[in-house]
Protein backbone atom coordinates (compact mmCIF):
# COMPACT_ATOMS: atom_id res chain seq x y z
CA MET A 1 33.52 24.24 12.07
CA ILE A 2 37.00 24.10 10.55
CA LEU A 3 37.24 21.12 8.27
CA PRO A 4 40.44 19.07 8.43
CA GLN A 5 42.59 18.57 5.39
CA LEU A 6 41.61 15.40 3.54
CA LYS A 7 44.34 13.44 1.81
CA VAL A 8 44.25 10.35 -0.37
CA LYS A 9 45.91 8.27 2.35
CA ASP A 10 43.03 9.17 4.68
CA LEU A 11 40.56 7.82 2.13
CA GLN A 12 42.28 4.48 2.23
CA GLN A 13 40.75 3.97 5.68
CA ILE A 14 37.10 4.24 4.60
CA ASP A 15 34.93 1.19 3.93
CA SER A 16 32.21 3.01 1.97
CA ALA A 17 30.59 0.12 0.15
CA ARG A 18 29.45 -1.50 3.36
CA TYR A 19 27.48 1.40 4.79
CA MET A 20 26.40 3.64 1.97
CA ARG A 21 22.68 4.03 1.21
CA PHE A 22 20.94 6.50 -0.99
CA MET A 23 18.72 8.88 0.97
CA GLN A 24 16.20 11.42 -0.24
CA ASN A 25 16.37 10.70 -3.94
CA GLN A 26 20.18 10.64 -4.16
CA ILE A 27 20.51 14.14 -2.69
CA ALA A 28 22.30 12.77 0.36
CA VAL A 29 24.38 9.72 1.15
CA MET A 30 25.28 8.57 4.63
CA LEU A 31 28.07 6.19 5.54
CA GLN A 32 27.67 4.71 9.00
CA LEU A 33 31.06 3.56 10.23
CA ASN A 34 31.68 1.47 13.30
CA ASN A 35 33.00 4.57 15.19
CA PRO A 36 30.58 5.98 13.79
CA LYS A 37 31.60 8.77 11.41
CA LYS A 38 29.41 10.57 8.90
CA LEU A 39 30.02 11.63 5.35
CA ALA A 40 27.38 13.68 3.54
CA MET A 41 26.78 14.78 -0.01
CA ALA A 42 28.21 18.18 -0.93
CA GLN A 43 26.67 17.98 -4.41
CA PRO A 44 24.08 15.45 -5.66
CA SER A 45 25.58 12.14 -6.78
CA LYS A 46 29.08 13.57 -7.33
CA TYR A 47 30.82 14.80 -4.20
CA ILE A 48 31.14 14.08 -0.50
CA GLU A 49 32.88 16.04 2.24
CA LEU A 50 34.38 14.97 5.52
CA LYS A 51 32.42 16.12 8.59
CA ASP A 52 34.51 14.58 11.34
CA SER A 53 38.26 14.73 11.80
CA SER A 54 38.54 11.74 14.14
CA LYS A 55 40.62 8.84 12.98
CA LEU A 56 38.82 6.49 10.59
CA THR A 57 39.29 2.81 11.26
CA GLN A 58 37.68 0.95 8.34
CA SER A 59 39.56 -0.14 5.24
CA LEU A 60 39.08 0.34 1.52
CA VAL A 61 41.65 0.83 -1.22
CA VAL A 62 40.60 3.70 -3.48
CA SER A 63 41.69 4.42 -7.01
CA LYS A 64 44.74 6.50 -7.83
CA GLY A 65 42.43 9.12 -9.31
CA ALA A 66 41.23 10.26 -5.90
CA LYS A 67 41.38 14.03 -5.52
CA SER A 68 41.37 16.22 -2.43
CA SER A 69 40.79 19.90 -1.75
CA ASP A 70 42.47 21.95 0.94
CA GLN A 71 39.54 24.38 0.89
CA LYS A 72 36.39 22.22 0.94
CA LYS A 73 37.98 18.86 1.61
CA VAL A 74 35.84 17.44 -1.21
CA VAL A 75 36.61 14.28 -3.18
CA LEU A 76 34.94 12.80 -6.24
CA LEU A 77 32.38 10.20 -5.15
CA PRO A 78 33.44 7.54 -7.69
CA THR A 79 36.94 7.54 -6.24
CA LEU A 80 35.58 6.70 -2.81
CA ILE A 81 33.05 4.09 -3.85
CA GLN A 82 34.66 1.27 -5.76
CA ASN A 83 31.80 -1.21 -6.22
CA TYR A 84 28.15 -0.35 -5.65
CA TYR A 85 24.83 -0.93 -7.41
CA ILE A 86 21.62 1.08 -7.57
CA TYR A 87 18.10 -0.31 -7.51
CA TYR A 88 14.65 1.20 -8.01
CA LEU A 89 11.43 -0.19 -6.53
CA GLY A 90 7.97 0.47 -7.88
CA THR A 91 5.43 0.82 -5.09
CA GLY A 92 2.71 -1.66 -4.18
CA ASN A 93 2.39 -5.33 -3.23
CA ASN A 94 4.46 -4.84 -0.09
CA HIS A 95 7.51 -3.60 -1.99
CA GLN A 96 9.03 -2.82 1.41
CA VAL A 97 9.92 -6.48 1.87
CA VAL A 98 12.00 -6.36 -1.33
CA GLN A 99 13.81 -3.30 0.00
CA ARG A 100 14.36 -5.02 3.34
CA VAL A 101 15.96 -8.01 1.65
CA LEU A 102 18.18 -5.96 -0.67
CA SER A 103 19.31 -3.78 2.24
CA LYS A 104 21.16 -6.81 3.62
CA ARG A 105 23.47 -6.72 0.60
CA ASN A 106 26.28 -4.29 1.30
CA GLU A 107 26.74 -2.87 -2.17
CA TRP A 108 23.10 -2.17 -3.06
CA MET A 109 21.69 1.35 -2.73
CA PHE A 110 18.10 2.50 -3.20
CA THR A 111 16.92 5.40 -5.33
CA THR A 112 13.45 6.88 -5.75
CA ASN A 113 14.40 8.44 -9.07
CA LYS A 114 13.07 5.97 -11.64
CA ASN A 115 14.68 7.97 -14.47
CA ASP A 116 18.21 7.62 -13.09
CA SER A 117 20.35 6.27 -15.95
CA SER A 118 22.69 4.53 -13.50
CA ILE A 119 20.04 2.13 -12.14
CA ASN A 120 21.23 -1.48 -12.20
CA PHE A 121 18.06 -3.26 -11.10
CA ARG A 122 14.39 -2.38 -11.45
CA TRP A 123 11.64 -4.13 -9.50
CA SER A 124 8.09 -3.21 -10.40
CA LEU A 125 4.62 -4.74 -10.29
CA TYR A 126 4.35 -4.72 -14.07
CA SER A 127 6.74 -4.86 -17.00
CA LYS A 128 5.22 -1.81 -18.68
CA GLY A 129 7.93 0.75 -19.34
CA TYR A 130 10.83 -1.70 -19.19
CA GLN A 131 13.31 -1.14 -22.03
CA TYR A 132 14.13 -4.74 -22.84
CA ASP A 133 16.24 -3.80 -25.85
CA LYS A 134 18.79 -2.35 -23.40
CA LEU A 135 19.22 -5.62 -21.50
CA VAL A 136 22.40 -6.54 -23.35
CA SER A 137 25.95 -7.11 -22.18
CA GLY A 138 27.42 -4.23 -24.20
CA ASN A 139 25.67 -1.44 -22.31
CA LYS A 140 27.71 1.01 -20.27
CA VAL A 141 25.47 0.34 -17.25
CA LYS A 142 24.37 -3.25 -16.68
CA GLN A 143 20.63 -3.36 -15.99
CA ALA A 144 18.37 -6.18 -14.78
CA VAL A 145 14.59 -6.37 -14.37
CA ASN A 146 12.17 -8.64 -12.51
CA HIS A 147 9.88 -9.56 -15.41
CA PHE A 148 10.31 -11.41 -18.68
CA GLU A 149 9.31 -9.52 -21.78
CA PHE A 150 6.65 -12.10 -22.67
CA HIS A 151 5.67 -13.36 -19.22
CA SER A 152 2.02 -13.13 -20.31
CA GLU A 153 2.60 -16.37 -22.24
CA ILE A 154 2.27 -18.14 -18.90
CA SER A 155 0.65 -15.59 -16.58
CA GLN A 156 -2.33 -14.79 -18.82
CA LYS A 157 -4.91 -17.52 -18.39
CA SER A 158 -5.81 -17.97 -22.06
CA TYR A 159 -2.18 -18.10 -23.23
CA LEU A 160 -1.25 -20.56 -20.48
CA PHE A 161 -3.95 -22.97 -21.58
CA LYS A 162 -3.18 -22.64 -25.29
CA ASN A 163 0.55 -23.20 -24.73
CA LEU A 164 -0.10 -26.18 -22.48
CA GLN A 165 -2.58 -27.62 -24.96
CA HIS A 166 -0.05 -27.39 -27.80
CA TYR A 167 2.73 -28.83 -25.62
CA CYS A 168 0.58 -31.77 -24.53
CA GLU A 169 -0.44 -32.54 -28.11
CA GLU A 170 3.22 -32.56 -29.18
CA ASN A 171 4.22 -34.84 -26.31
CA GLN A 172 1.11 -37.05 -26.32
CA ILE A 173 0.04 -35.99 -22.82
CA ASP A 174 -3.61 -35.78 -21.80
CA ILE A 175 -4.01 -32.20 -20.58
CA MET A 176 -7.24 -33.09 -18.81
CA THR A 177 -5.30 -35.17 -16.29
CA PHE A 178 -3.94 -32.04 -14.59
CA VAL A 179 -5.85 -29.01 -15.99
CA PRO A 180 -9.63 -28.60 -15.60
CA LEU A 181 -11.69 -28.74 -18.79
CA THR A 182 -11.13 -25.29 -20.33
CA PHE A 183 -12.62 -23.22 -23.14
CA VAL A 184 -11.10 -19.92 -24.29
CA LEU A 185 -13.48 -17.32 -25.73
CA ASP A 186 -11.51 -14.66 -27.59
CA PHE A 187 -13.89 -12.01 -28.88
CA THR A 188 -11.06 -10.25 -30.70
CA ASN A 189 -10.68 -13.32 -32.90
CA GLU A 190 -12.82 -14.36 -35.85
CA LYS A 191 -13.04 -17.88 -34.40
CA ALA A 192 -15.01 -16.71 -31.38
CA ASP A 193 -18.20 -18.26 -32.74
CA MET A 194 -16.51 -21.64 -33.06
CA SER A 195 -15.16 -21.54 -29.50
CA LEU A 196 -18.52 -20.57 -28.07
CA LEU A 197 -20.28 -23.31 -29.99
CA GLN A 198 -17.77 -25.91 -28.84
CA PHE A 199 -18.43 -24.92 -25.25
CA LEU A 200 -22.22 -25.05 -25.69
CA GLN A 201 -22.09 -28.45 -27.36
CA TYR A 202 -19.93 -29.81 -24.59
CA TYR A 203 -22.12 -28.18 -21.97
CA GLU A 204 -25.22 -29.87 -23.35
CA SER A 205 -23.74 -33.29 -24.10
CA ASN A 206 -22.28 -33.69 -20.60
CA ALA A 207 -25.00 -32.03 -18.54
CA PRO A 208 -26.65 -34.26 -15.93
CA SER A 209 -30.28 -35.18 -16.46
CA SER A 210 -31.32 -32.71 -13.77
CA ILE A 211 -30.20 -29.80 -16.00
CA LYS A 212 -32.94 -28.78 -18.45
CA LEU A 213 -31.54 -27.57 -21.77
CA ASN A 214 -32.95 -26.25 -25.01
CA ASP A 215 -31.49 -27.12 -28.37
CA THR A 216 -27.78 -26.17 -28.61
CA GLN A 217 -28.30 -24.22 -31.81
CA ASN A 218 -31.04 -22.10 -30.23
CA LYS A 219 -28.82 -21.40 -27.22
CA PHE A 220 -25.98 -20.43 -29.53
CA TYR A 221 -28.04 -17.88 -31.45
CA SER A 222 -29.66 -16.61 -28.28
CA ILE A 223 -26.30 -15.85 -26.64
CA ARG A 224 -24.91 -14.37 -29.84
CA ARG A 225 -27.88 -12.00 -30.11
CA TYR A 226 -27.33 -11.05 -26.48
CA LEU A 227 -23.72 -10.18 -27.27
CA ASN A 228 -24.91 -8.19 -30.28
CA THR A 229 -22.03 -7.24 -32.62
CA TYR A 230 -19.11 -8.72 -30.73
CA MET A 231 -19.06 -12.00 -32.63
CA GLN A 232 -18.61 -12.78 -36.28
CA ILE A 233 -21.64 -14.54 -37.75
CA THR A 234 -21.15 -18.11 -38.92
CA ASP A 235 -23.44 -21.04 -39.56
CA LYS A 236 -20.76 -23.69 -39.13
CA PHE A 237 -21.22 -26.15 -36.30
CA VAL A 238 -18.16 -27.99 -35.08
CA GLN A 239 -18.19 -31.40 -33.47
CA ILE A 240 -15.72 -32.00 -30.64
CA ASN A 241 -14.60 -35.14 -28.91
CA LYS A 242 -16.44 -35.94 -25.72
CA SER A 243 -13.73 -36.34 -23.10
CA LYS A 244 -14.88 -37.81 -19.83
CA ILE A 245 -14.96 -35.22 -17.06
CA PRO A 246 -13.48 -36.59 -13.81
CA SER A 247 -16.22 -37.41 -11.32
CA THR A 248 -14.88 -34.85 -8.82
CA PHE A 249 -15.82 -32.07 -11.25
CA LEU A 250 -19.41 -33.25 -11.51
CA GLY A 251 -22.25 -32.70 -9.10
CA ASN A 252 -25.95 -32.03 -9.05
CA ASP A 253 -25.38 -28.33 -9.75
CA TYR A 254 -23.14 -28.59 -12.87
CA LEU A 255 -21.14 -25.45 -12.05
CA TRP A 256 -18.65 -23.62 -14.27
CA ILE A 257 -16.31 -20.71 -13.57
CA LEU A 258 -15.68 -17.61 -15.71
CA LYS A 259 -12.35 -15.75 -15.59
CA PRO A 260 -11.24 -12.64 -17.49
CA THR A 261 -7.77 -13.56 -18.68
CA GLN A 262 -5.57 -10.60 -17.74
CA TYR A 263 -6.54 -10.08 -14.09
CA ASN A 264 -5.28 -11.60 -10.84
CA CYS A 265 -6.24 -11.59 -7.13
CA GLY A 266 -9.62 -13.11 -8.02
CA ARG A 267 -10.78 -9.98 -9.84
CA GLY A 268 -13.73 -10.54 -12.15
CA ILE A 269 -14.04 -14.28 -11.41
CA HIS A 270 -17.55 -15.73 -11.10
CA VAL A 271 -18.96 -19.19 -10.49
CA ILE A 272 -21.93 -19.75 -12.81
CA LYS A 273 -24.80 -22.21 -12.67
CA ASP A 274 -26.62 -21.58 -15.97
CA LEU A 275 -26.12 -20.21 -19.48
CA ASP A 276 -28.27 -17.14 -18.93
CA GLN A 277 -25.95 -16.02 -16.14
CA MET A 278 -22.96 -16.72 -18.37
CA ALA A 279 -24.35 -14.63 -21.25
CA HIS A 280 -25.07 -11.74 -18.89
CA LEU A 281 -21.51 -11.81 -17.51
CA LEU A 282 -19.95 -12.06 -20.98
CA ASN A 283 -21.84 -8.95 -22.02
CA GLN A 284 -20.59 -7.10 -18.93
CA TYR A 285 -16.98 -8.19 -19.45
CA ILE A 286 -16.93 -7.08 -23.07
CA THR A 287 -18.72 -3.76 -22.62
CA GLY A 288 -16.87 -2.87 -19.42
CA LYS A 289 -19.99 -2.89 -17.25
CA GLN A 290 -18.61 -5.53 -14.88
CA GLN A 291 -17.46 -3.75 -11.73
CA LYS A 292 -15.66 -4.66 -8.54
CA LYS A 293 -16.90 -3.58 -5.12
CA ASP A 294 -14.55 -0.59 -5.24
CA GLY A 295 -16.22 0.62 -8.43
CA LYS A 296 -13.31 -0.18 -10.75
CA ILE A 297 -14.31 -1.59 -14.12
CA ILE A 298 -13.37 -5.09 -15.25
CA ARG A 299 -13.11 -5.09 -19.04
CA SER A 300 -11.95 -8.11 -21.04
CA LYS A 301 -12.62 -9.53 -24.49
CA GLN A 302 -10.76 -12.73 -23.67
CA ILE A 303 -12.59 -15.05 -21.28
CA VAL A 304 -11.67 -18.45 -19.90
CA ILE A 305 -14.49 -20.84 -19.00
CA GLN A 306 -13.52 -23.85 -16.89
CA LYS A 307 -15.45 -26.70 -15.37
CA TYR A 308 -15.74 -25.99 -11.67
CA LEU A 309 -14.29 -28.53 -9.26
CA GLU A 310 -17.48 -29.38 -7.39
CA LYS A 311 -15.93 -31.98 -5.09
CA PRO A 312 -12.71 -30.41 -3.81
CA LEU A 313 -10.73 -31.78 -0.91
CA LEU A 314 -11.73 -29.84 2.19
CA ILE A 315 -10.06 -28.85 5.45
CA ASN A 316 -12.55 -28.52 8.29
CA ASN A 317 -15.37 -28.40 5.71
CA ARG A 318 -13.81 -25.41 3.94
CA LYS A 319 -12.32 -25.07 0.49
CA PHE A 320 -8.62 -24.30 0.05
CA ASP A 321 -5.98 -23.97 -2.63
CA ILE A 322 -2.19 -24.23 -2.63
CA ARG A 323 0.15 -21.36 -3.48
CA VAL A 324 3.70 -22.25 -4.51
CA TRP A 325 6.46 -20.14 -6.04
CA GLY A 326 8.45 -20.75 -9.21
CA LEU A 327 11.58 -18.91 -10.36
CA LEU A 328 12.82 -18.64 -13.94
CA ASN A 329 16.18 -17.10 -14.83
CA SER A 330 17.39 -15.77 -18.18
CA ASP A 331 19.06 -19.12 -18.94
CA LEU A 332 15.55 -20.60 -18.69
CA GLU A 333 16.43 -22.66 -15.65
CA PHE A 334 13.35 -23.36 -13.54
CA PHE A 335 13.47 -23.48 -9.74
CA PHE A 336 10.78 -24.48 -7.24
CA PHE A 337 10.64 -23.04 -3.72
CA GLU A 338 10.51 -25.93 -1.28
CA GLN A 339 7.75 -24.51 0.92
CA GLY A 340 4.45 -22.95 -0.09
CA TYR A 341 1.27 -22.40 1.86
CA ILE A 342 -2.42 -23.31 2.05
CA ARG A 343 -5.00 -20.55 1.45
CA MET A 344 -8.25 -21.22 3.27
CA ALA A 345 -11.78 -20.02 2.56
CA SER A 346 -13.50 -18.20 5.41
CA GLU A 347 -16.83 -20.03 5.20
CA GLU A 348 -17.92 -23.66 4.86
CA TYR A 349 -18.14 -25.12 1.39
CA THR A 350 -21.45 -25.43 -0.43
CA THR A 351 -22.47 -25.46 -4.09
CA LYS A 352 -25.87 -23.96 -3.34
CA ASP A 353 -24.64 -20.39 -2.98
CA VAL A 354 -22.43 -19.54 -5.97
CA GLN A 355 -22.52 -15.80 -5.25
CA ASN A 356 -20.62 -16.08 -1.96
CA GLN A 357 -16.97 -15.43 -2.81
CA TYR A 358 -15.87 -16.26 0.73
CA VAL A 359 -16.95 -19.85 0.03
CA HIS A 360 -15.53 -20.33 -3.46
CA LEU A 361 -12.55 -17.98 -4.06
CA THR A 362 -9.59 -18.50 -1.74
CA ASN A 363 -7.44 -15.56 -2.90
CA ASN A 364 -6.22 -13.59 0.10
CA ALA A 365 -7.25 -10.32 -1.58
CA ILE A 366 -10.87 -11.54 -1.43
CA GLN A 367 -10.86 -13.49 1.83
CA LYS A 368 -9.42 -10.62 3.88
CA GLN A 369 -12.69 -8.74 3.27
CA SER A 370 -14.66 -11.46 5.05
CA PRO A 371 -15.78 -10.81 8.65
CA ASN A 372 -14.50 -14.33 9.46
CA TYR A 373 -11.02 -13.73 8.06
CA GLY A 374 -8.28 -14.86 10.42
CA LYS A 375 -10.66 -16.29 13.04
CA LEU A 376 -9.67 -19.93 12.51
CA GLU A 377 -6.13 -19.57 11.11
CA ASP A 378 -3.62 -16.75 11.19
CA GLY A 379 -4.29 -14.96 7.90
CA ASN A 380 -6.45 -17.89 6.71
CA GLN A 381 -3.22 -19.77 5.99
CA LEU A 382 -1.67 -23.10 6.89
CA SER A 383 1.83 -24.44 6.34
CA PHE A 384 2.69 -27.50 4.28
CA ASP A 385 3.55 -29.35 7.49
CA GLN A 386 0.11 -28.58 8.90
CA ALA A 387 -1.54 -29.82 5.71
CA ALA A 388 0.61 -32.96 5.77
CA ALA A 389 -0.51 -33.71 9.31
CA TYR A 390 -4.18 -33.10 8.47
CA PHE A 391 -4.13 -35.41 5.41
CA LYS A 392 -1.91 -38.09 6.92
CA SER A 393 -4.67 -40.70 6.63
CA LYS A 394 -4.99 -40.05 2.88
CA GLY A 395 -1.31 -40.34 2.08
CA ASP A 396 2.04 -38.57 2.15
CA PHE A 397 1.32 -34.92 1.30
CA TYR A 398 4.89 -34.18 0.22
CA LYS A 399 5.32 -37.29 -1.94
CA LEU A 400 1.85 -37.45 -3.49
CA ILE A 401 0.94 -33.77 -3.72
CA VAL A 402 4.06 -31.58 -3.65
CA GLU A 403 6.08 -33.85 -5.95
CA ASN A 404 3.20 -33.91 -8.43
CA ILE A 405 2.97 -30.12 -8.24
CA LYS A 406 6.66 -29.90 -9.13
CA GLN A 407 6.21 -32.05 -12.24
CA ILE A 408 3.19 -30.09 -13.45
CA SER A 409 4.93 -26.76 -12.78
CA LEU A 410 7.97 -27.71 -14.85
CA ARG A 411 5.71 -28.95 -17.64
CA ALA A 412 3.79 -25.65 -17.65
CA PHE A 413 6.96 -23.60 -18.04
CA GLN A 414 8.35 -25.96 -20.67
CA SER A 415 5.26 -25.19 -22.74
CA THR A 416 6.44 -21.55 -23.03
CA ARG A 417 10.16 -22.22 -23.59
CA LYS A 418 10.18 -20.78 -27.12
CA LYS A 419 8.13 -17.70 -26.24
CA ILE A 420 8.70 -16.34 -22.74
CA ASN A 421 12.21 -15.03 -23.53
CA PHE A 422 11.86 -14.92 -27.30
CA PHE A 423 14.75 -12.48 -27.89
CA GLY A 424 17.08 -14.13 -25.38
CA ARG A 425 17.41 -11.15 -23.02
CA ARG A 426 20.28 -11.80 -20.62
CA TYR A 427 19.41 -9.70 -17.59
CA CYS A 428 15.91 -10.67 -16.55
CA PHE A 429 14.36 -13.17 -14.18
CA GLU A 430 10.94 -13.59 -12.62
CA ILE A 431 9.21 -15.05 -9.58
CA PHE A 432 5.79 -16.56 -10.30
CA GLY A 433 2.94 -17.65 -8.05
CA LEU A 434 1.36 -20.97 -9.04
CA ASP A 435 -2.04 -22.01 -7.72
CA TYR A 436 -3.22 -25.60 -7.37
CA MET A 437 -6.24 -27.42 -6.01
CA ILE A 438 -6.70 -30.98 -4.77
CA ASP A 439 -9.88 -32.90 -5.49
CA ASP A 440 -11.60 -35.36 -3.20
CA ASP A 441 -9.62 -38.20 -4.82
CA PHE A 442 -6.35 -36.57 -3.66
CA LYS A 443 -5.49 -35.53 -7.22
CA VAL A 444 -3.70 -32.28 -8.10
CA TRP A 445 -5.07 -29.71 -10.57
CA LEU A 446 -3.29 -26.63 -11.93
CA ILE A 447 -5.56 -23.58 -11.67
CA GLU A 448 -3.43 -20.64 -12.83
CA ILE A 449 0.01 -19.03 -12.79
CA ASN A 450 0.51 -15.42 -11.74
CA SER A 451 3.13 -12.82 -12.47
CA ASN A 452 3.64 -10.43 -9.54
CA PRO A 453 2.54 -12.92 -6.84
CA CYS A 454 1.28 -11.50 -3.56
CA LEU A 455 4.10 -10.51 -1.18
CA GLU A 456 1.87 -9.40 1.68
CA GLU A 457 3.18 -10.81 4.95
CA SER A 458 -0.34 -11.45 6.17
CA SER A 459 0.54 -14.17 8.67
CA GLN A 460 3.42 -15.27 10.84
CA LEU A 461 4.00 -18.07 8.35
CA LEU A 462 4.49 -15.65 5.45
CA GLN A 463 6.58 -13.28 7.56
CA GLY A 464 9.14 -16.07 7.53
CA LEU A 465 8.67 -17.53 4.05
CA ILE A 466 8.43 -14.43 1.83
CA PRO A 467 11.68 -12.67 2.87
CA ARG A 468 13.56 -15.98 2.66
CA MET A 469 12.00 -16.75 -0.73
CA LEU A 470 13.14 -13.37 -2.09
CA ASP A 471 16.57 -13.54 -0.50
CA ASP A 472 17.32 -16.99 -1.90
CA ALA A 473 15.95 -15.94 -5.31
CA PHE A 474 18.31 -12.95 -5.40
CA SER A 475 21.18 -15.27 -4.46
CA LEU A 476 20.51 -17.25 -7.65
CA THR A 477 19.98 -14.24 -9.90
CA LEU A 478 21.08 -10.75 -8.82
CA ASP A 479 24.12 -11.95 -6.90
CA HIS A 480 25.39 -13.68 -10.04
CA LEU A 481 24.96 -10.54 -12.13
CA PHE A 482 26.13 -8.12 -9.45
CA PRO A 483 28.56 -9.80 -7.02
CA VAL A 484 28.41 -8.71 -3.38
CA THR A 485 31.17 -8.99 -0.80
CA LYS A 486 29.06 -10.17 2.08
CA LYS A 487 25.38 -10.89 2.65
CA GLN A 488 24.00 -10.78 6.15
CA ILE A 489 21.76 -13.84 6.61
CA VAL A 490 18.80 -13.06 8.84
CA PHE A 491 15.79 -14.67 7.14
CA SER A 492 15.52 -17.97 8.97
CA VAL A 493 12.90 -20.64 8.26
CA PRO A 494 12.26 -23.52 10.71
CA ASN A 495 13.87 -26.85 9.75
CA TYR A 496 16.11 -25.20 7.12
CA SER A 497 19.72 -24.13 7.51
CA ASP A 498 20.41 -20.44 6.90
CA ASN A 499 23.05 -21.53 4.40
CA HIS A 500 20.65 -23.71 2.42
CA ASN A 501 19.05 -22.17 -0.67
CA MET A 502 15.40 -23.22 -0.58
CA TRP A 503 14.95 -22.91 -4.36
CA GLN A 504 15.20 -26.42 -5.81
CA TRP A 505 16.45 -26.66 -9.38
CA LEU A 506 13.95 -28.70 -11.40
CA GLY A 507 15.47 -28.42 -14.84
CA ASN A 508 16.20 -26.36 -17.92
CA LEU A 509 13.27 -25.62 -20.21
CA PHE A 510 15.25 -26.76 -23.26
């Protein structure tokens, strides 16, 4: 094929930014024009050559530095592409939905080369490997990432509780009005003995008469011997205030729940009914003997023990929790997505069988393994509107539950305001998943906050909410850092205008 001569005036007819996408690790680039016409890479990331001599009808003004060749008809790529951005996606957690949302922004192009120095935005499951010291305005290439450097201050269970506890003490707020009674056992800390003893004293002093207990001191030494060398020996006994546990947390079984602090998706979580079971699990956590069904080891020297909510509000006799999304930008502005969803257990609630995860743990990662998953609800999920209709006799779900969730969520993030972006990085933001429960008195309780919330579109409900949630989040973050000419709006949610951003601003953390 004889290639036509390519002149600068011909380039002025090409709208490259609208159609260009990286393909095959930046080895090829295709521009789909309305005609359509095709341009392909002659050399990786640097050159393109004209493959069709028909008249081009799109418009783009190129720089005066555009060059042409009578032999190969090759021009420098930067002269053709005036304004484009490159993003990299780590795999996992349905990363395809992130790519689908970004593909609707004309200027964004995808690369599979994570080492490309020209990457403008990185999205990954974890922050490991992010070079936060390069997130400054003076860099040659502006880069943004989807995690805060110290997001563990709110996403790690032990840090969340400690930060909230300190915040509530400073502001004279009773933390036990919205967070279950919590003890943090940190076996990397010399105060581990004290924390364990505080828990045992509380356990004994508040146990119902049906629970037979030995002397607290004997229990303490018994558990410490079981854990062998993991705790520093001390003979000091610490008295703690006896706060009244809400009646919805109490029952005839006096259940507690153990959680390794750095895991999500329900991994390593156990409901316990006695101290012997607790000691056995602690030993497994610390030594790395605790295993999931897939054989992977759960190892943790930081454990959270919480009083189990024994009288939760139920839907059709089954336990549920509430997943909502929070967004924090680098200016520490906190946003709340206006719609979340209800996560249902697959089996009816009972406190008699604490080993059955399909009764007690509502995480989708666990419930989808149940043979009953999806039989009663699509993906074991309900919308807020469905929950509001179900609980209509108890009160207004949006006013009494969702509004309370908003207040608690903002308070939780305010507790980390001095830590989560300690160095004031400018080009980072993060979407968090917040989990709540409602007790039988229609009262809201914060359970945990997760980095890297599940993006699996496991129901028709989430097929609508998750893309819209991401799209509106990028409108508040990426689109401010990297302006786009036009965004195609396709992620519709019932009862919401396509032009309405569903992230509600709740406040600045400072």
